[in-house]
């Protein structure tokens, strides 16, 4: 009996279109329609609200509405607050508009609170969540294509838990600067918020998290360019 030999070059050939798509992913490749994105956000928001005992917050909504008015109107943003025990430095920005902010993050300074919400709105407006899901989908397609060529296909279940591309943080900060300026808030509030971040510890599961100092520098550059 002859054993069928696999061709490594065929696997590379099959992966080539996937690699090309992945190279474009940071520029906006997205398998998810806006409608599907909004539905996914509703599902995730319901789960998050229940698990974190989050509640709508009138102050956050008022500040968020002022910022959202400066977006293109694609999404309806909703803002929730939840109790926290540990220090939470980033809001939870879900696809389609839901935003969850830990109680420990909320500042008495409206401008700083606006900076936090502007950053979350930016992640949503730039569709970072579903763009990262698209990247994961493309990688899975590549793995399946290669495995099929090598004679062993292994299916993976859908997982909507994502860790954003580190470059997305810089993109969201830059977008937040514009939102803050357009809405009449001091953009330096974003810098003050970023300066409050603890220095992150290395976490291989999360990848290369941008250091707060790098984000501060990039935000200052964006502010200078906008003025």
Protein backbone atom coordinates (compact mmCIF):
# COMPACT_ATOMS: atom_id res chain seq x y z
CA UNK A 1 0.00 0.00 0.00
CA UNK A 2 1.38 3.35 -1.01
CA UNK A 3 1.33 6.15 1.53
CA UNK A 4 0.10 9.45 0.16
CA UNK A 5 2.77 12.08 0.59
CA UNK A 6 1.76 15.55 1.64
CA UNK A 7 3.05 18.59 -0.17
CA UNK A 8 4.22 21.37 2.19
CA UNK A 9 4.21 23.81 -0.73
CA UNK A 10 0.48 23.19 -1.19
CA UNK A 11 -0.14 24.17 2.43
CA UNK A 12 1.86 27.36 1.89
CA UNK A 13 -0.11 28.05 -1.30
CA UNK A 14 -3.41 27.60 0.57
CA UNK A 15 -2.27 29.91 3.35
CA UNK A 16 -1.12 32.68 1.01
CA UNK A 17 -4.55 34.35 0.57
CA UNK A 18 -5.11 34.16 4.34
CA UNK A 19 -1.73 35.77 5.00
CA UNK A 20 -2.56 38.54 2.54
CA UNK A 21 -5.91 39.19 4.25
CA UNK A 22 -4.26 39.21 7.67
CA UNK A 23 -1.79 41.80 6.44
CA UNK A 24 -4.75 44.03 5.59
CA UNK A 25 -6.68 43.33 8.78
CA UNK A 26 -5.36 46.35 10.75
CA UNK A 27 -6.68 48.54 7.92
CA UNK A 28 -10.25 47.38 8.31
CA UNK A 29 -10.95 43.86 6.95
CA UNK A 30 -14.12 42.77 8.69
CA UNK A 31 -16.31 39.69 8.11
CA UNK A 32 -19.09 41.15 10.29
CA UNK A 33 -21.81 43.45 8.99
CA UNK A 34 -22.82 46.39 11.16
CA UNK A 35 -26.14 44.65 11.83
CA UNK A 36 -24.44 41.44 12.94
CA UNK A 37 -22.02 43.45 15.03
CA UNK A 38 -24.87 45.20 16.85
CA UNK A 39 -26.62 41.89 17.54
CA UNK A 40 -23.40 40.39 18.89
CA UNK A 41 -22.95 43.44 21.13
CA UNK A 42 -26.46 43.05 22.54
CA UNK A 43 -25.79 39.41 23.37
CA UNK A 44 -22.47 40.16 25.03
CA UNK A 45 -23.89 43.19 26.87
CA UNK A 46 -26.69 41.11 28.36
CA UNK A 47 -24.17 38.56 29.62
CA UNK A 48 -21.80 41.25 30.92
CA UNK A 49 -24.56 43.18 32.68
CA UNK A 50 -25.69 40.04 34.49
CA UNK A 51 -22.22 38.79 35.41
CA UNK A 52 -20.93 42.15 36.62
CA UNK A 53 -24.18 43.40 38.17
CA UNK A 54 -23.86 46.50 36.01
CA UNK A 55 -26.45 49.26 35.90
CA UNK A 56 -27.11 52.16 33.50
CA UNK A 57 -25.64 55.42 34.79
CA UNK A 58 -27.21 58.80 34.02
CA UNK A 59 -23.99 60.81 34.40
CA UNK A 60 -22.00 58.49 32.15
CA UNK A 61 -24.83 58.49 29.61
CA UNK A 62 -24.98 62.29 29.51
CA UNK A 63 -21.22 62.62 28.99
CA UNK A 64 -21.22 59.74 26.53
CA UNK A 65 -24.10 61.22 24.51
CA UNK A 66 -22.15 64.48 24.13
CA UNK A 67 -19.22 62.54 22.72
CA UNK A 68 -21.34 60.18 20.60
CA UNK A 69 -22.95 63.17 18.92
CA UNK A 70 -19.57 63.76 17.26
CA UNK A 71 -19.47 60.28 15.70
CA UNK A 72 -21.10 59.27 12.41
CA UNK A 73 -24.23 57.96 14.12
CA UNK A 74 -23.76 54.32 13.14
CA UNK A 75 -24.12 53.04 16.71
CA UNK A 76 -26.31 53.80 19.70
CA UNK A 77 -24.01 53.98 22.70
CA UNK A 78 -25.14 52.84 26.14
CA UNK A 79 -23.08 53.29 29.28
CA UNK A 80 -23.13 51.09 32.36
CA UNK A 81 -21.28 51.15 35.66
CA UNK A 82 -20.35 48.10 37.70
CA UNK A 83 -18.84 47.55 41.17
CA UNK A 84 -15.17 46.66 41.23
CA UNK A 85 -12.82 45.27 43.85
CA UNK A 86 -9.61 45.35 41.84
CA UNK A 87 -8.32 48.40 40.01
CA UNK A 88 -9.68 48.43 36.47
CA UNK A 89 -7.82 50.72 34.06
CA UNK A 90 -9.73 50.14 30.83
CA UNK A 91 -13.48 50.28 30.09
CA UNK A 92 -15.16 47.33 28.41
CA UNK A 93 -16.14 48.42 24.89
CA UNK A 94 -18.44 45.89 23.23
CA UNK A 95 -19.34 45.84 19.53
CA UNK A 96 -22.28 47.96 18.50
CA UNK A 97 -22.28 50.43 21.38
CA UNK A 98 -22.42 49.00 24.94
CA UNK A 99 -19.73 50.37 27.28
CA UNK A 100 -19.07 49.12 30.82
CA UNK A 101 -17.01 51.18 33.27
CA UNK A 102 -15.79 50.00 36.64
CA UNK A 103 -16.82 52.12 39.62
CA UNK A 104 -13.17 52.58 40.61
CA UNK A 105 -12.43 54.19 37.23
CA UNK A 106 -15.03 56.92 37.40
CA UNK A 107 -13.56 60.35 38.13
CA UNK A 108 -15.26 63.37 39.64
CA UNK A 109 -13.59 65.32 36.84
CA UNK A 110 -16.00 65.28 33.90
CA UNK A 111 -13.15 65.75 31.42
CA UNK A 112 -11.29 62.65 32.65
CA UNK A 113 -14.49 60.62 32.63
CA UNK A 114 -15.10 61.91 29.10
CA UNK A 115 -11.60 60.76 28.12
CA UNK A 116 -12.35 57.24 29.39
CA UNK A 117 -15.64 57.11 27.50
CA UNK A 118 -14.11 58.66 24.36
CA UNK A 119 -11.49 55.91 24.31
CA UNK A 120 -14.23 53.25 24.60
CA UNK A 121 -16.36 54.90 21.91
CA UNK A 122 -13.31 54.99 19.65
CA UNK A 123 -12.79 51.23 19.97
CA UNK A 124 -16.42 50.71 18.96
CA UNK A 125 -16.50 53.27 16.14
CA UNK A 126 -13.30 51.79 14.69
CA UNK A 127 -14.86 48.32 14.96
CA UNK A 128 -11.86 46.90 16.78
CA UNK A 129 -13.73 44.01 18.41
CA UNK A 130 -15.09 42.48 15.21
CA UNK A 131 -11.91 43.26 13.30
CA UNK A 132 -10.03 41.17 15.84
CA UNK A 133 -12.65 38.42 15.55
CA UNK A 134 -12.12 38.56 11.78
CA UNK A 135 -8.41 38.16 12.29
CA UNK A 136 -9.06 35.11 14.48
CA UNK A 137 -11.41 33.71 11.84
CA UNK A 138 -8.77 34.15 9.14
CA UNK A 139 -6.15 32.43 11.27
CA UNK A 140 -8.54 29.53 11.88
CA UNK A 141 -9.20 29.24 8.14
CA UNK A 142 -5.45 29.06 7.61
CA UNK A 143 -5.01 26.39 10.27
CA UNK A 144 -7.84 24.27 8.85
CA UNK A 145 -6.52 24.62 5.29
CA UNK A 146 -3.05 23.55 6.36
CA UNK A 147 -4.40 20.71 8.53
CA UNK A 148 -6.58 19.45 5.68
CA UNK A 149 -3.59 19.40 3.38
CA UNK A 150 -1.62 17.45 5.98
CA UNK A 151 -4.55 15.06 6.45
CA UNK A 152 -5.85 16.10 9.88
CA UNK A 153 -8.65 18.62 10.23
CA UNK A 154 -9.54 19.77 13.73
CA UNK A 155 -12.58 22.00 14.15
CA UNK A 156 -12.62 24.71 16.79
CA UNK A 157 -15.70 26.14 18.52
CA UNK A 158 -16.51 29.83 18.18
CA UNK A 159 -15.05 31.95 20.95
CA UNK A 160 -16.10 35.59 21.26
CA UNK A 161 -13.45 36.42 23.86
CA UNK A 162 -10.82 38.58 22.18
CA UNK A 163 -7.64 40.41 23.09
CA UNK A 164 -7.26 43.49 20.94
CA UNK A 165 -4.30 44.17 18.72
CA UNK A 166 -1.93 46.43 20.71
CA UNK A 167 -1.92 48.97 17.87
CA UNK A 168 -5.67 49.42 18.38
CA UNK A 169 -4.97 51.18 21.69
CA UNK A 170 -3.00 53.89 19.89
CA UNK A 171 -5.72 54.20 17.24
CA UNK A 172 -8.42 54.53 19.91
CA UNK A 173 -6.42 57.16 21.82
CA UNK A 174 -5.96 59.20 18.64
CA UNK A 175 -9.66 58.97 17.81
CA UNK A 176 -10.51 59.89 21.41
CA UNK A 177 -8.47 63.09 21.11
CA UNK A 178 -10.61 64.18 18.17
CA UNK A 179 -13.83 63.30 19.98
CA UNK A 180 -12.81 65.24 23.08
CA UNK A 181 -11.89 68.33 21.09
CA UNK A 182 -15.03 68.19 18.93
CA UNK A 183 -17.22 67.76 22.04
CA UNK A 184 -15.56 70.68 23.84
CA UNK A 185 -13.55 68.73 26.42
CA UNK A 186 -9.90 69.30 27.31
CA UNK A 187 -7.96 66.61 25.37
CA UNK A 188 -5.21 66.74 28.01
CA UNK A 189 -7.65 64.82 30.21
CA UNK A 190 -6.79 61.77 28.12
CA UNK A 191 -3.13 62.24 29.03
CA UNK A 192 -4.00 62.58 32.72
CA UNK A 193 -5.96 59.33 32.54
CA UNK A 194 -3.15 57.47 30.78
CA UNK A 195 -0.61 58.78 33.29
CA UNK A 196 -2.64 57.16 36.07
CA UNK A 197 -2.07 53.69 34.62
CA UNK A 198 0.20 51.30 36.51
CA UNK A 199 3.18 49.96 34.58
CA UNK A 200 1.89 46.67 33.10
CA UNK A 201 3.53 43.40 33.99
CA UNK A 202 4.54 41.09 31.15
CA UNK A 203 1.64 38.83 30.29
CA UNK A 204 2.28 36.48 27.38
CA UNK A 205 -1.40 35.62 27.14
CA UNK A 206 -2.25 39.23 26.32
CA UNK A 207 0.70 39.90 24.05
CA UNK A 208 2.71 43.09 23.90
CA UNK A 209 0.55 45.55 25.84
CA UNK A 210 1.61 49.12 25.00
CA UNK A 211 3.34 50.81 27.94
CA UNK A 212 1.39 53.79 29.33
CA UNK A 213 4.39 56.05 28.62
CA UNK A 214 4.22 55.19 24.92
CA UNK A 215 0.51 55.93 24.84
CA UNK A 216 1.04 59.24 26.64
CA UNK A 217 3.66 60.25 24.09
CA UNK A 218 1.40 59.28 21.18
CA UNK A 219 -1.57 61.10 22.70
CA UNK A 220 0.46 64.27 23.17
CA UNK A 221 1.53 64.07 19.54
CA UNK A 222 -2.11 63.66 18.44
CA UNK A 223 -3.15 66.65 20.56
CA UNK A 224 -0.39 68.82 19.11
CA UNK A 225 -1.31 67.77 15.57
CA UNK A 226 -4.98 68.59 16.18
CA UNK A 227 -4.38 72.08 17.55
